[in-house]
Amino acid sequence: MDKKPIQPTPERNKDALARQSLTFAAMRDRLTQYMESKAMRKTPERYEVLRVANMSGSIFTIDELMTQMQQHGEFQVSRATLFNTMELLCEAGLAIKHPLATAAHFEMQTDSLPKAYVICHQCNTITRVSTGTARLALQNLHVRYFSIEQKLVYMHGLCRKCQARNRQEARKNKKEKKKS
């Protein structure tokens, strides 16, 4: 999954920036409360990982987060520290860990809305489905005798690029068979 480096977008207005900083401040407060309740140390590295992970705005791996920390972080942290901090953020309800076979993928939990994802089983890209239909269906989903804490749906298949690549390879193979 190719990611572009995080760069501030100049078209954002002051209100959007204020909302973003309030969201980060609320996440920071929630992390502080969680660590205090568990008698954990409140290290600056943990808060820096939260800040940089929150900047990503999409799904990321530990390796991608490591790159972002090197580019935008104030501290150099180890891969183990990143992984442990992301696990902590998941426990605190500030991040989502996507259970995929290839590598651990994380996403910051900025809202409590239901989420749907499509995963290409050929190139392993993960894309969040932003259609209102999927959200509405998930929002109205209730299971008897079960308290749902998080509504996530994963749909597996082939992305458009892989479909096109497969069709192209099939045509190429068909031409080669005709020649032989």
Protein backbone atom coordinates (compact mmCIF):
# COMPACT_ATOMS: atom_id res chain seq x y z
CA MET A 1 0.00 0.00 0.00
CA ASP A 2 1.71 3.17 -1.19
CA LYS A 3 1.29 6.18 1.03
CA LYS A 4 2.23 9.77 0.38
CA PRO A 5 4.10 11.63 3.12
CA ILE A 6 1.91 13.70 5.40
CA GLN A 7 1.87 17.31 4.32
CA PRO A 8 -0.34 20.08 5.63
CA THR A 9 -3.00 21.05 3.13
CA PRO A 10 -3.14 24.82 2.56
CA GLU A 11 -6.83 24.80 1.61
CA ARG A 12 -7.92 23.93 5.15
CA ASN A 13 -9.69 26.76 6.88
CA LYS A 14 -9.27 27.86 10.51
CA ASP A 15 -12.43 26.07 11.67
CA ALA A 16 -11.22 22.73 10.30
CA LEU A 17 -7.84 23.18 11.99
CA ALA A 18 -9.54 24.11 15.27
CA ARG A 19 -11.74 20.98 15.10
CA GLN A 20 -8.71 18.83 14.35
CA SER A 21 -6.74 20.20 17.30
CA LEU A 22 -9.75 19.77 19.59
CA THR A 23 -10.03 16.18 18.46
CA PHE A 24 -6.35 15.62 19.20
CA ALA A 25 -6.68 17.37 22.58
CA ALA A 26 -9.63 15.12 23.45
CA MET A 27 -7.65 12.05 22.37
CA ARG A 28 -4.68 13.19 24.44
CA ASP A 29 -6.92 13.66 27.49
CA ARG A 30 -8.49 10.24 26.97
CA LEU A 31 -5.06 8.63 26.73
CA THR A 32 -3.96 10.41 29.92
CA GLN A 33 -7.05 9.22 31.78
CA TYR A 34 -6.56 5.67 30.54
CA MET A 35 -2.90 5.57 31.59
CA GLU A 36 -3.73 7.05 35.00
CA SER A 37 -6.46 4.44 35.54
CA LYS A 38 -3.95 1.67 34.71
CA ALA A 39 -1.11 3.31 36.71
CA MET A 40 1.05 3.57 33.59
CA ARG A 41 3.80 6.07 32.96
CA LYS A 42 2.82 9.05 30.83
CA THR A 43 5.89 9.28 28.63
CA PRO A 44 6.41 11.99 26.00
CA GLU A 45 7.11 9.26 23.43
CA ARG A 46 3.59 7.85 23.83
CA TYR A 47 2.04 11.25 23.26
CA GLU A 48 4.29 11.83 20.25
CA VAL A 49 3.23 8.51 18.71
CA LEU A 50 -0.40 9.55 19.28
CA ARG A 51 0.24 12.90 17.59
CA VAL A 52 1.99 11.48 14.53
CA ALA A 53 -0.47 8.57 14.16
CA ASN A 54 -3.34 11.05 14.38
CA MET A 55 -1.76 13.07 11.53
CA SER A 56 -1.94 10.09 9.15
CA GLY A 57 -5.70 10.29 8.64
CA SER A 58 -5.84 6.82 7.10
CA ILE A 59 -4.90 3.20 7.65
CA PHE A 60 -1.21 2.57 8.28
CA THR A 61 1.27 -0.12 9.26
CA ILE A 62 3.98 0.08 11.92
CA ASP A 63 6.58 0.51 9.17
CA GLU A 64 4.68 3.44 7.69
CA LEU A 65 4.29 4.96 11.15
CA MET A 66 8.04 4.53 11.72
CA THR A 67 8.71 6.50 8.52
CA GLN A 68 6.28 9.23 9.61
CA MET A 69 7.93 9.38 13.05
CA GLN A 70 11.32 9.87 11.41
CA GLN A 71 9.97 12.65 9.19
CA HIS A 72 7.56 14.44 11.54
CA GLY A 73 8.28 13.20 15.07
CA GLU A 74 10.24 14.95 17.76
CA PHE A 75 11.58 11.64 19.12
CA GLN A 76 13.23 8.64 17.55
CA VAL A 77 11.49 5.55 18.90
CA SER A 78 12.05 1.87 18.30
CA ARG A 79 9.73 -0.35 16.32
CA ALA A 80 8.83 -2.19 19.56
CA THR A 81 7.86 1.11 21.21
CA LEU A 82 5.65 1.95 18.24
CA PHE A 83 3.96 -1.44 18.31
CA ASN A 84 3.44 -1.36 22.10
CA THR A 85 2.11 2.21 21.98
CA MET A 86 -0.31 1.35 19.18
CA GLU A 87 -1.53 -1.63 21.21
CA LEU A 88 -2.02 0.77 24.15
CA LEU A 89 -3.97 3.17 21.91
CA CYS A 90 -6.18 0.27 20.81
CA GLU A 91 -6.82 -0.76 24.42
CA ALA A 92 -7.72 2.85 25.24
CA GLY A 93 -10.20 2.92 22.34
CA LEU A 94 -8.22 5.53 20.42
CA ALA A 95 -7.16 3.29 17.53
CA ILE A 96 -8.43 0.31 15.61
CA LYS A 97 -6.20 -2.67 14.84
CA HIS A 98 -7.34 -4.31 11.63
CA PRO A 99 -6.94 -8.11 11.84
CA LEU A 100 -5.25 -8.91 8.56
CA ALA A 101 -2.95 -11.78 7.66
CA THR A 102 -0.25 -9.71 5.97
CA ALA A 103 0.72 -7.21 8.67
CA ALA A 104 -0.91 -5.32 11.50
CA HIS A 105 -2.75 -2.30 10.15
CA PHE A 106 -3.94 0.49 12.42
CA GLU A 107 -6.28 3.42 12.09
CA MET A 108 -7.03 6.19 14.56
CA GLN A 109 -10.53 6.03 16.04
CA THR A 110 -11.67 9.63 15.61
CA ASP A 111 -15.39 8.87 15.70
CA SER A 112 -17.76 6.14 16.81
CA LEU A 113 -19.46 5.72 13.43
CA PRO A 114 -19.69 2.25 11.88
CA LYS A 115 -16.98 1.52 9.34
CA ALA A 116 -16.80 -0.72 6.28
CA TYR A 117 -13.64 -1.71 4.42
CA VAL A 118 -12.78 -3.49 1.19
CA ILE A 119 -9.60 -5.55 1.10
CA CYS A 120 -7.96 -6.71 -2.11
CA HIS A 121 -6.69 -10.24 -1.57
CA GLN A 122 -4.18 -9.86 -4.40
CA CYS A 123 -2.36 -6.59 -3.57
CA ASN A 124 -3.52 -6.36 0.10
CA THR A 125 -4.74 -2.77 -0.17
CA ILE A 126 -7.36 -1.70 2.35
CA THR A 127 -9.85 0.99 1.45
CA ARG A 128 -12.49 2.46 3.70
CA VAL A 129 -15.94 2.45 2.12
CA SER A 130 -17.44 5.88 2.55
CA THR A 131 -20.89 5.25 1.17
CA GLY A 132 -23.82 6.17 3.35
CA THR A 133 -25.58 2.92 2.48
CA ALA A 134 -22.97 0.76 4.25
CA ARG A 135 -22.93 3.07 7.26
CA LEU A 136 -26.72 3.13 7.52
CA ALA A 137 -26.93 -0.66 7.33
CA LEU A 138 -24.29 -1.03 10.04
CA GLN A 139 -25.76 1.70 12.21
CA ASN A 140 -29.13 -0.07 12.32
CA LEU A 141 -27.57 -3.47 12.98
CA HIS A 142 -28.50 -4.94 16.37
CA VAL A 143 -27.80 -8.43 17.62
CA ARG A 144 -30.06 -9.88 20.28
CA TYR A 145 -28.39 -10.57 23.62
CA PHE A 146 -25.13 -9.00 22.49
CA SER A 147 -23.66 -5.59 23.20
CA ILE A 148 -21.79 -4.36 20.12
CA GLU A 149 -18.87 -2.08 21.01
CA GLN A 150 -17.52 -1.45 17.54
CA LYS A 151 -19.16 -1.92 14.15
CA LEU A 152 -16.58 -2.93 11.53
CA VAL A 153 -17.19 -4.87 8.32
CA TYR A 154 -14.48 -6.27 6.05
CA MET A 155 -15.28 -7.26 2.47
CA HIS A 156 -12.63 -9.21 0.59
CA GLY A 157 -12.22 -9.31 -3.16
CA LEU A 158 -10.23 -7.74 -6.00
CA CYS A 159 -9.60 -4.03 -6.46
CA ARG A 160 -10.01 -2.34 -9.84
CA LYS A 161 -6.26 -2.31 -10.57
CA CYS A 162 -5.87 -6.03 -9.87
CA GLN A 163 -8.95 -6.84 -11.97
CA ALA A 164 -7.47 -4.90 -14.88
CA ARG A 165 -4.06 -6.54 -14.40
CA ASN A 166 -5.67 -10.02 -14.33
CA ARG A 167 -7.69 -9.31 -17.51
CA GLN A 168 -4.54 -8.07 -19.25
CA GLU A 169 -2.59 -11.18 -18.21
CA ALA A 170 -5.46 -13.43 -19.31
CA ARG A 171 -5.51 -11.76 -22.75
CA LYS A 172 -1.75 -12.11 -23.01
CA ASN A 173 -1.92 -15.81 -22.06
CA LYS A 174 -4.75 -16.38 -24.56
CA LYS A 175 -2.66 -14.81 -27.36
CA GLU A 176 0.36 -16.95 -26.42
CA LYS A 177 -1.80 -20.12 -26.53
CA LYS A 178 -3.09 -19.23 -30.00
CA LYS A 179 0.48 -18.78 -31.25
CA SER A 180 1.54 -22.21 -30.00
